Amino acid sequence: MNAPTSSSSLTSVGPRINSQRLWEHVCTMARIGATAKGGVNRQALTAEDTQGKMLLLQWASARGYQTSIDPIGNLFIRRPGRNPGLSPVLTGSHLDSQPTGGRFDGVYGVLAGFEVLETLDDHGMETERPIELVVWMNEEGSRFPPPTMGSAVAAGALSLAEALAIKDITGIDVESALKAQIAELPALEKRALGMNGFAYIEAHIEQGPVLENEACDVGIVTGIQGLHAYEIQLLGAEAHAGTTPLRHRKDALVAATTLIGSIRAAINDPEDILRFTVGRLEVYPGSPNTVPGRVTFNIDLRHPDPDFLLRAGETILQLCAGEIEGCPVSAKALLRSTPITFDDRVVATVRKAAVGRAMKFRDIVSGATHDAKFTAQHIPTGMIFVPCEKGISHNEAENAREADVAAGAQVLCDAMLAIMSERL
């Protein structure tokens, strides 16, 4: 493999990143929210998420970068350019994690982007355009569904008021949690909502096995499959578990399991391309000897074909109307994100950067959703994937090799510099 090193010398294709520093940053950030099994639990707007952002802001302050925050909590770190009036080249990802998350999902893209800024400083390079690193708020959606909340609000796909009103399972809403986090962070310049940039390139682990299986250094991401997110609620009636005959019950949990099975059968995809997941199910009152009176569950639905995805979503809504076993059902669409194809010019620039470093690569469509999905609706966008061990992600065993982490950051650096001179 032709992976970059931490050499401080300039090459014919641009400055070399400091791979050792990048790896140290990855390891340092992984200590925040670290779990016993080697992963992280750094869910959005928790104390651990706040600590992660504080650490990044400390590093940014030491470099003298400008920092700002928008009304939904997206964090921006800016390295000025020669012409401050030009729109910036953007990179970034997220610091929040799943409850049993890995050390690389999201955080790698943030730290790879920060390494680009530091590398340019190390070499005294002045860019024509400013460069901004974005830390998107609540990409995972594990505490506050839906995922990609911060970028969705910035793109206008989700209203700020609706996002701020969303509550976690304990009843805390986004607005309260965000205010608490901002109070802990150093003073940040306030900026308006919106997507403003010349181009956006995001680095990320693949979260699948393709690149590792084909011994690729990087993946050139050409697009992202579509995602619909739904919240389903069934209302039954609490009753005594020992005295209420089954035929007299309105058991919301039994009705929910029946409904989930019916949905799965109705949208079955023989080609196994559709992704249907029920990842959260809340049972009220949650007592072992009380018949459940209310159940709420979430559906995550994904497919690369927008028409197929729309038909499957309509089927879900049809099945979630009326009553199931005497329990009224209601459904709410939390997110409808169509499949995205990235900008050909940005994709070509990323591909050229991989060629310039003699890396083995392949084009790939992302099965997971990313904040780049929403930037692509407003800004020319591309992504870079690096392999992750056995394709494991959203798991404490998630892992990536130091050489692959460095390779992706090097391509990111070269592509961001190259895109400066493009006509987009």
Protein backbone atom coordinates (compact mmCIF):
# COMPACT_ATOMS: atom_id res chain seq x y z
CA MET A 1 0.00 0.00 0.00
CA ASN A 2 1.21 3.48 -0.82
CA ALA A 3 0.14 5.27 2.35
CA PRO A 4 1.33 8.77 3.26
CA THR A 5 3.81 9.39 6.05
CA SER A 6 4.27 12.22 8.52
CA SER A 7 7.04 13.85 6.51
CA SER A 8 7.06 17.64 6.79
CA SER A 9 8.40 18.12 3.28
CA LEU A 10 6.39 19.40 0.35
CA THR A 11 5.82 17.03 -2.56
CA SER A 12 4.91 17.69 -6.17
CA VAL A 13 1.24 17.19 -5.34
CA GLY A 14 1.10 19.25 -2.16
CA PRO A 15 2.08 19.24 1.53
CA ARG A 16 2.28 16.00 3.43
CA ILE A 17 -0.01 15.74 6.41
CA ASN A 18 1.39 14.82 9.82
CA SER A 19 -0.03 11.32 10.18
CA GLN A 20 1.39 10.80 13.67
CA ARG A 21 -0.32 13.95 14.96
CA LEU A 22 -3.60 12.92 13.34
CA TRP A 23 -3.45 9.49 14.97
CA GLU A 24 -2.66 11.05 18.35
CA HIS A 25 -5.69 13.32 18.00
CA VAL A 26 -7.89 10.33 17.18
CA CYS A 27 -6.63 8.46 20.24
CA THR A 28 -7.01 11.48 22.51
CA MET A 29 -10.58 12.18 21.40
CA ALA A 30 -11.44 8.49 21.86
CA ARG A 31 -10.78 8.81 25.59
CA ILE A 32 -13.81 11.08 25.93
CA GLY A 33 -16.81 8.84 26.49
CA ALA A 34 -14.63 5.73 26.29
CA THR A 35 -16.38 2.42 27.01
CA ALA A 36 -15.01 -0.74 28.59
CA LYS A 37 -15.11 -2.56 25.25
CA GLY A 38 -12.95 -0.01 23.45
CA GLY A 39 -15.68 2.11 21.88
CA VAL A 40 -17.25 5.44 22.81
CA ASN A 41 -20.58 6.70 24.14
CA ARG A 42 -20.63 10.38 23.22
CA GLN A 43 -24.24 11.02 22.26
CA ALA A 44 -25.37 14.42 21.05
CA LEU A 45 -25.58 17.23 23.60
CA THR A 46 -24.41 15.06 26.50
CA ALA A 47 -21.57 16.00 28.83
CA GLU A 48 -19.24 13.79 26.78
CA ASP A 49 -20.22 15.50 23.53
CA THR A 50 -19.55 18.85 25.20
CA GLN A 51 -16.12 17.66 26.37
CA GLY A 52 -15.24 16.55 22.86
CA LYS A 53 -16.14 19.92 21.42
CA MET A 54 -14.25 21.73 24.16
CA LEU A 55 -11.11 19.74 23.35
CA LEU A 56 -11.38 20.55 19.65
CA LEU A 57 -11.95 24.23 20.43
CA GLN A 58 -8.85 24.22 22.63
CA TRP A 59 -6.79 22.93 19.73
CA ALA A 60 -8.39 25.53 17.45
CA SER A 61 -7.68 28.34 19.92
CA ALA A 62 -4.02 27.33 20.11
CA ARG A 63 -3.83 27.81 16.33
CA GLY A 64 -5.71 31.11 16.38
CA TYR A 65 -8.61 29.92 14.25
CA GLN A 66 -11.94 31.71 14.21
CA THR A 67 -14.86 29.83 15.80
CA SER A 68 -18.61 30.28 15.51
CA ILE A 69 -21.90 28.44 16.09
CA ASP A 70 -25.32 28.55 14.44
CA PRO A 71 -28.76 28.32 16.11
CA ILE A 72 -28.95 24.49 15.89
CA GLY A 73 -25.47 24.03 17.37
CA ASN A 74 -23.38 23.37 14.26
CA LEU A 75 -19.82 24.40 15.12
CA PHE A 76 -17.50 26.13 12.62
CA ILE A 77 -13.71 26.50 12.75
CA ARG A 78 -12.32 28.88 10.14
CA ARG A 79 -8.82 29.31 8.75
CA PRO A 80 -8.79 32.65 6.88
CA GLY A 81 -7.85 32.90 3.23
CA ARG A 82 -6.16 35.60 1.20
CA ASN A 83 -9.54 36.86 0.02
CA PRO A 84 -12.01 36.86 2.94
CA GLY A 85 -14.85 37.80 0.60
CA LEU A 86 -14.72 34.47 -1.20
CA SER A 87 -16.94 31.61 -0.06
CA PRO A 88 -15.00 28.98 1.90
CA VAL A 89 -14.04 25.44 1.03
CA LEU A 90 -15.68 23.27 3.68
CA THR A 91 -14.90 19.95 5.29
CA GLY A 92 -16.15 18.24 8.42
CA SER A 93 -18.34 15.56 9.98
CA HIS A 94 -19.58 14.95 13.55
CA LEU A 95 -18.30 14.19 17.05
CA ASP A 96 -21.45 12.59 18.49
CA SER A 97 -21.69 8.81 18.59
CA GLN A 98 -24.05 5.91 19.04
CA PRO A 99 -24.54 4.63 22.64
CA THR A 100 -22.19 1.75 21.76
CA GLY A 101 -20.28 3.61 19.08
CA GLY A 102 -16.80 3.35 17.65
CA ARG A 103 -13.74 5.57 17.78
CA PHE A 104 -13.82 6.61 14.12
CA ASP A 105 -17.40 7.14 12.94
CA GLY A 106 -17.74 10.88 12.31
CA VAL A 107 -14.86 11.96 14.53
CA TYR A 108 -12.38 10.81 11.88
CA GLY A 109 -13.79 13.30 9.37
CA VAL A 110 -13.58 16.13 11.90
CA LEU A 111 -10.00 15.34 12.87
CA ALA A 112 -8.89 14.73 9.28
CA GLY A 113 -10.26 18.16 8.42
CA PHE A 114 -8.47 19.72 11.39
CA GLU A 115 -5.26 18.05 10.28
CA VAL A 116 -5.63 19.76 6.89
CA LEU A 117 -5.78 23.14 8.64
CA GLU A 118 -2.75 22.34 10.78
CA THR A 119 -0.78 21.03 7.81
CA LEU A 120 -1.34 24.28 5.91
CA ASP A 121 -0.16 26.20 8.99
CA ASP A 122 2.93 24.02 9.30
CA HIS A 123 3.95 24.86 5.73
CA GLY A 124 3.01 28.53 5.94
CA MET A 125 0.57 28.11 3.07
CA GLU A 126 -1.94 30.87 2.39
CA THR A 127 -5.01 29.77 0.47
CA GLU A 128 -7.01 32.08 -1.76
CA ARG A 129 -10.26 31.05 -0.12
CA PRO A 130 -10.96 30.54 3.58
CA ILE A 131 -11.28 26.95 4.76
CA GLU A 132 -13.93 25.99 7.31
CA LEU A 133 -14.19 22.84 9.38
CA VAL A 134 -17.78 22.02 10.38
CA VAL A 135 -18.82 19.87 13.33
CA TRP A 136 -22.43 19.01 12.53
CA MET A 137 -24.76 18.70 15.53
CA ASN A 138 -26.47 15.35 16.20
CA GLU A 139 -25.59 13.42 13.07
CA GLU A 140 -26.31 10.07 14.69
CA GLY A 141 -29.81 10.80 15.98
CA SER A 142 -29.40 8.17 18.69
CA ARG A 143 -30.52 10.45 21.51
CA PHE A 144 -32.65 12.87 19.49
CA PRO A 145 -34.11 11.36 16.28
CA PRO A 146 -33.84 11.96 13.36
CA PRO A 147 -30.19 11.62 12.29
CA THR A 148 -28.29 14.40 10.47
CA MET A 149 -30.34 16.93 12.43
CA GLY A 150 -27.86 19.81 12.35
CA SER A 151 -27.18 19.64 8.63
CA ALA A 152 -30.88 19.09 7.86
CA VAL A 153 -31.81 22.28 9.71
CA ALA A 154 -28.98 24.23 8.08
CA ALA A 155 -30.18 23.03 4.66
CA GLY A 156 -33.81 23.92 5.36
CA ALA A 157 -34.96 20.29 5.22
CA LEU A 158 -36.05 20.38 8.87
CA SER A 159 -37.36 23.49 10.63
CA LEU A 160 -35.39 24.90 13.53
CA ALA A 161 -38.49 25.04 15.73
CA GLU A 162 -39.36 21.41 15.04
CA ALA A 163 -35.80 20.26 15.75
CA LEU A 164 -35.53 22.21 19.01
CA ALA A 165 -38.78 20.68 20.26
CA ILE A 166 -37.68 17.05 19.82
CA LYS A 167 -37.27 15.21 23.13
CA ASP A 168 -35.11 12.31 24.24
CA ILE A 169 -36.54 9.33 26.13
CA THR A 170 -36.19 11.19 29.45
CA GLY A 171 -38.22 14.19 28.25
CA ILE A 172 -35.32 16.61 27.73
CA ASP A 173 -35.74 18.61 24.52
CA VAL A 174 -33.02 19.66 22.08
CA GLU A 175 -33.45 23.35 22.93
CA SER A 176 -32.71 22.81 26.64
CA ALA A 177 -29.80 20.44 26.01
CA LEU A 178 -28.28 22.79 23.43
CA LYS A 179 -28.51 25.79 25.74
CA ALA A 180 -26.77 23.78 28.46
CA GLN A 181 -23.98 22.78 26.11
CA ILE A 182 -23.41 26.31 24.77
CA ALA A 183 -23.16 27.57 28.36
CA GLU A 184 -20.24 25.19 28.93
CA LEU A 185 -18.35 26.03 25.72
CA PRO A 186 -16.02 29.02 25.36
CA ALA A 187 -17.52 32.17 23.83
CA LEU A 188 -18.36 31.60 20.18
CA GLU A 189 -19.39 34.02 17.48
CA LYS A 190 -23.05 33.58 16.52
CA ARG A 191 -23.81 32.95 12.86
CA ALA A 192 -27.01 32.57 10.89
CA LEU A 193 -28.40 29.27 9.66
CA GLY A 194 -27.62 28.29 6.09
CA MET A 195 -25.37 26.42 3.72
CA ASN A 196 -22.67 28.73 2.39
CA GLY A 197 -19.59 27.36 0.72
CA PHE A 198 -17.68 26.94 -2.51
CA ALA A 199 -17.35 23.17 -2.07
CA TYR A 200 -17.66 20.55 0.67
CA ILE A 201 -15.56 17.38 0.98
CA GLU A 202 -16.11 14.99 3.89
CA ALA A 203 -13.82 12.16 4.98
CA HIS A 204 -15.36 9.13 6.70
CA ILE A 205 -14.81 5.46 7.40
CA GLU A 206 -16.72 3.28 4.93
CA GLN A 207 -18.81 1.49 7.57
CA GLY A 208 -18.87 -1.53 5.26
CA PRO A 209 -16.45 -4.24 4.05
CA VAL A 210 -15.95 -3.35 0.36
CA LEU A 211 -12.74 -1.30 0.54
CA GLU A 212 -11.01 -3.70 2.92
CA ASN A 213 -12.02 -6.73 0.85
CA GLU A 214 -10.61 -5.14 -2.30
CA ALA A 215 -7.46 -3.84 -0.55
CA CYS A 216 -8.25 -0.23 -1.50
CA ASP A 217 -6.56 2.70 0.19
CA VAL A 218 -9.56 4.97 -0.27
CA GLY A 219 -13.03 5.02 -1.78
CA ILE A 220 -14.29 7.79 -4.05
CA VAL A 221 -17.90 8.30 -2.96
CA THR A 222 -20.26 9.12 -5.82
CA GLY A 223 -23.49 9.44 -3.83
CA ILE A 224 -25.67 8.37 -0.89
CA GLN A 225 -28.77 6.20 -0.87
CA GLY A 226 -32.08 7.65 0.33
CA LEU A 227 -33.37 7.54 3.91
CA HIS A 228 -36.85 7.86 5.37
CA ALA A 229 -37.38 7.96 9.15
CA TYR A 230 -40.76 7.38 10.79
CA GLU A 231 -42.13 7.42 14.34
CA ILE A 232 -45.04 5.04 15.00
CA GLN A 233 -47.26 5.10 18.08
CA LEU A 234 -49.89 2.60 19.26
CA LEU A 235 -52.29 3.37 22.09
CA GLY A 236 -53.73 0.53 24.16
CA ALA A 237 -54.89 0.42 27.76
CA GLU A 238 -52.92 -0.47 30.89
CA ALA A 239 -54.36 -3.45 32.75
CA HIS A 240 -53.40 -5.90 35.48
CA ALA A 241 -51.24 -8.73 34.10
CA GLY A 242 -52.72 -11.31 36.46
CA THR A 243 -56.42 -10.53 36.28
CA THR A 244 -57.16 -9.32 32.73
CA PRO A 245 -58.08 -12.07 30.23
CA LEU A 246 -56.21 -11.89 26.91
CA ARG A 247 -59.43 -11.38 24.93
CA HIS A 248 -60.23 -8.26 26.98
CA ARG A 249 -56.84 -6.64 26.59
CA LYS A 250 -55.70 -3.75 24.40
CA ASP A 251 -52.01 -4.67 24.55
CA ALA A 252 -50.01 -2.01 22.70
CA LEU A 253 -46.86 -4.15 22.64
CA VAL A 254 -48.55 -7.18 21.13
CA ALA A 255 -50.16 -4.90 18.54
CA ALA A 256 -46.78 -3.30 17.79
CA THR A 257 -45.07 -6.63 17.17
CA THR A 258 -47.92 -7.64 14.87
CA LEU A 259 -47.61 -4.35 12.99
CA ILE A 260 -43.82 -4.62 12.61
CA GLY A 261 -44.18 -8.10 11.16
CA SER A 262 -46.88 -6.91 8.74
CA ILE A 263 -44.75 -3.98 7.56
CA ARG A 264 -41.72 -6.17 7.02
CA ALA A 265 -43.74 -8.65 4.95
CA ALA A 266 -45.46 -5.93 2.92
CA ILE A 267 -42.25 -4.15 1.86
CA ASN A 268 -40.13 -7.28 1.43
CA ASP A 269 -37.45 -6.77 -1.24
CA PRO A 270 -36.39 -10.05 -2.96
CA GLU A 271 -33.18 -8.36 -4.13
CA ASP A 272 -32.31 -7.45 -0.49
CA ILE A 273 -31.41 -3.86 -1.39
CA LEU A 274 -34.02 -2.24 0.87
CA ARG A 275 -32.86 -1.60 4.44
CA PHE A 276 -35.67 -1.73 7.04
CA THR A 277 -34.76 -1.29 10.71
CA VAL A 278 -36.69 -0.85 13.94
CA GLY A 279 -33.91 0.27 16.26
CA ARG A 280 -35.89 1.82 19.10
CA LEU A 281 -39.04 0.63 20.85
CA GLU A 282 -40.39 2.39 23.95
CA VAL A 283 -42.97 0.60 26.11
CA TYR A 284 -45.16 2.46 28.62
CA PRO A 285 -45.46 2.14 31.56
CA GLY A 286 -42.67 -0.42 31.39
CA SER A 287 -43.81 -2.48 34.36
CA PRO A 288 -43.41 -6.30 34.29
CA ASN A 289 -46.91 -6.90 35.63
CA THR A 290 -48.85 -4.26 33.68
CA VAL A 291 -50.25 -4.67 30.16
CA PRO A 292 -48.52 -2.01 28.03
CA GLY A 293 -50.77 0.95 27.31
CA ARG A 294 -48.55 2.76 24.83
CA VAL A 295 -45.73 1.78 22.48
CA THR A 296 -43.64 4.09 20.31
CA PHE A 297 -41.10 2.80 17.81
CA ASN A 298 -38.94 4.24 15.06
CA ILE A 299 -38.42 2.96 11.52
CA ASP A 300 -35.24 3.59 9.52
CA LEU A 301 -35.86 2.90 5.81
CA ARG A 302 -33.17 3.13 3.10
CA HIS A 303 -32.87 2.46 -0.64
CA PRO A 304 -30.87 3.99 -3.53
CA ASP A 305 -33.95 4.21 -5.80
CA PRO A 306 -36.16 7.20 -4.85
CA ASP A 307 -39.32 5.68 -6.36
CA PHE A 308 -38.84 2.36 -4.54
CA LEU A 309 -38.20 4.22 -1.30
CA LEU A 310 -41.30 6.37 -1.76
CA ARG A 311 -43.52 3.34 -2.46
CA ALA A 312 -42.20 1.54 0.62
CA GLY A 313 -42.82 4.63 2.73
CA GLU A 314 -46.38 4.96 1.46
CA THR A 315 -46.99 1.31 2.32
CA ILE A 316 -45.79 1.94 5.87
CA LEU A 317 -48.12 4.91 6.29
CA GLN A 318 -51.07 2.92 4.93
CA LEU A 319 -50.43 0.07 7.37
CA CYS A 320 -50.07 2.52 10.25
CA ALA A 321 -53.57 3.93 9.91
CA GLY A 322 -56.64 2.80 11.83
CA GLU A 323 -56.35 0.16 14.54
CA ILE A 324 -54.26 -2.95 15.18
CA GLU A 325 -55.81 -5.46 17.60
CA GLY A 326 -57.98 -2.71 19.09
CA CYS A 327 -55.11 -0.23 19.46
CA PRO A 328 -55.25 3.02 17.43
CA VAL A 329 -52.10 3.62 15.37
CA SER A 330 -50.55 6.91 14.27
CA ALA A 331 -47.47 7.55 12.14
CA LYS A 332 -45.28 10.59 11.66
CA ALA A 333 -42.57 11.05 9.04
CA LEU A 334 -39.49 12.46 10.80
CA LEU A 335 -37.27 12.67 7.74
CA ARG A 336 -37.54 12.09 4.00
CA SER A 337 -34.13 12.30 2.41
CA THR A 338 -33.91 11.34 -1.26
CA PRO A 339 -30.88 9.60 -2.78
CA ILE A 340 -28.09 12.00 -3.68
CA THR A 341 -25.53 11.97 -6.49
CA PHE A 342 -22.46 14.04 -5.71
CA ASP A 343 -21.10 16.76 -7.97
CA ASP A 344 -19.11 15.25 -10.85
CA ARG A 345 -16.43 17.95 -10.64
CA VAL A 346 -15.81 17.42 -6.93
CA VAL A 347 -15.78 13.64 -7.36
CA ALA A 348 -13.26 14.02 -10.20
CA THR A 349 -11.06 16.25 -8.04
CA VAL A 350 -11.03 13.69 -5.23
CA ARG A 351 -10.28 10.91 -7.70
CA LYS A 352 -7.39 12.91 -9.18
CA ALA A 353 -5.97 13.46 -5.68
CA ALA A 354 -5.95 9.69 -5.09
CA VAL A 355 -4.25 9.12 -8.44
CA GLY A 356 -1.65 11.77 -7.57
CA ARG A 357 -0.65 9.78 -4.49
CA ALA A 358 -0.61 6.47 -6.41
CA MET A 359 -3.31 5.05 -4.15
CA LYS A 360 -5.54 2.12 -4.98
CA PHE A 361 -9.15 3.26 -5.02
CA ARG A 362 -12.61 2.50 -6.32
CA ASP A 363 -15.85 4.41 -6.75
CA ILE A 364 -18.50 3.58 -4.15
CA VAL A 365 -22.04 4.61 -3.16
CA SER A 366 -22.60 5.16 0.54
CA GLY A 367 -25.15 2.91 2.20
CA ALA A 368 -25.04 5.02 5.36
CA THR A 369 -26.38 8.54 5.39
CA HIS A 370 -24.08 11.48 6.10
CA ASP A 371 -24.28 15.24 6.54
CA ALA A 372 -22.87 15.49 3.02
CA LYS A 373 -26.32 14.47 1.83
CA PHE A 374 -27.67 17.86 2.88
CA THR A 375 -24.66 19.93 1.86
CA ALA A 376 -25.01 18.42 -1.63
CA GLN A 377 -28.38 20.15 -2.01
CA HIS A 378 -26.71 23.56 -1.77
CA ILE A 379 -22.95 23.18 -2.27
CA PRO A 380 -20.89 21.08 -4.73
CA THR A 381 -20.06 18.06 -2.55
CA GLY A 382 -17.92 14.93 -2.46
CA MET A 383 -16.76 12.36 0.07
CA ILE A 384 -13.73 10.18 0.75
CA PHE A 385 -14.04 6.77 2.42
CA VAL A 386 -11.30 4.81 4.15
CA PRO A 387 -11.52 1.10 5.02
CA CYS A 388 -12.69 -0.05 8.43
CA GLU A 389 -11.87 -3.46 9.85
CA LYS A 390 -14.35 -6.14 8.72
CA GLY A 391 -16.78 -3.37 7.80
CA ILE A 392 -17.86 -3.07 11.44
CA SER A 393 -19.42 0.23 12.54
CA HIS A 394 -21.98 1.48 15.08
CA ASN A 395 -20.20 -1.00 17.31
CA GLU A 396 -17.55 -0.69 20.01
CA ALA A 397 -15.32 -3.02 17.97
CA GLU A 398 -15.16 -0.47 15.11
CA ASN A 399 -11.54 -0.05 14.00
CA ALA A 400 -9.39 1.49 11.29
CA ARG A 401 -5.67 1.23 10.55
CA GLU A 402 -3.42 4.22 11.14
CA ALA A 403 -2.12 4.05 7.55
CA ASP A 404 -5.66 4.14 6.12
CA VAL A 405 -6.63 7.04 8.37
CA ALA A 406 -3.61 8.94 7.08
CA ALA A 407 -4.31 8.06 3.45
CA GLY A 408 -7.81 9.51 3.56
CA ALA A 409 -6.62 12.70 5.25
CA GLN A 410 -3.90 13.11 2.64
CA VAL A 411 -6.37 12.80 -0.22
CA LEU A 412 -8.64 15.26 1.61
CA CYS A 413 -5.83 17.80 1.91
CA ASP A 414 -4.80 17.48 -1.74
CA ALA A 415 -8.40 17.64 -2.97
CA MET A 416 -9.27 20.70 -0.89
CA LEU A 417 -6.26 22.57 -2.23
CA ALA A 418 -7.01 21.50 -5.80
CA ILE A 419 -10.69 22.50 -5.62
CA MET A 420 -9.68 26.08 -4.80
CA SER A 421 -8.82 26.76 -8.44
CA GLU A 422 -11.79 24.92 -9.97
CA ARG A 423 -14.72 26.68 -11.62
CA LEU A 424 -17.74 25.19 -9.88
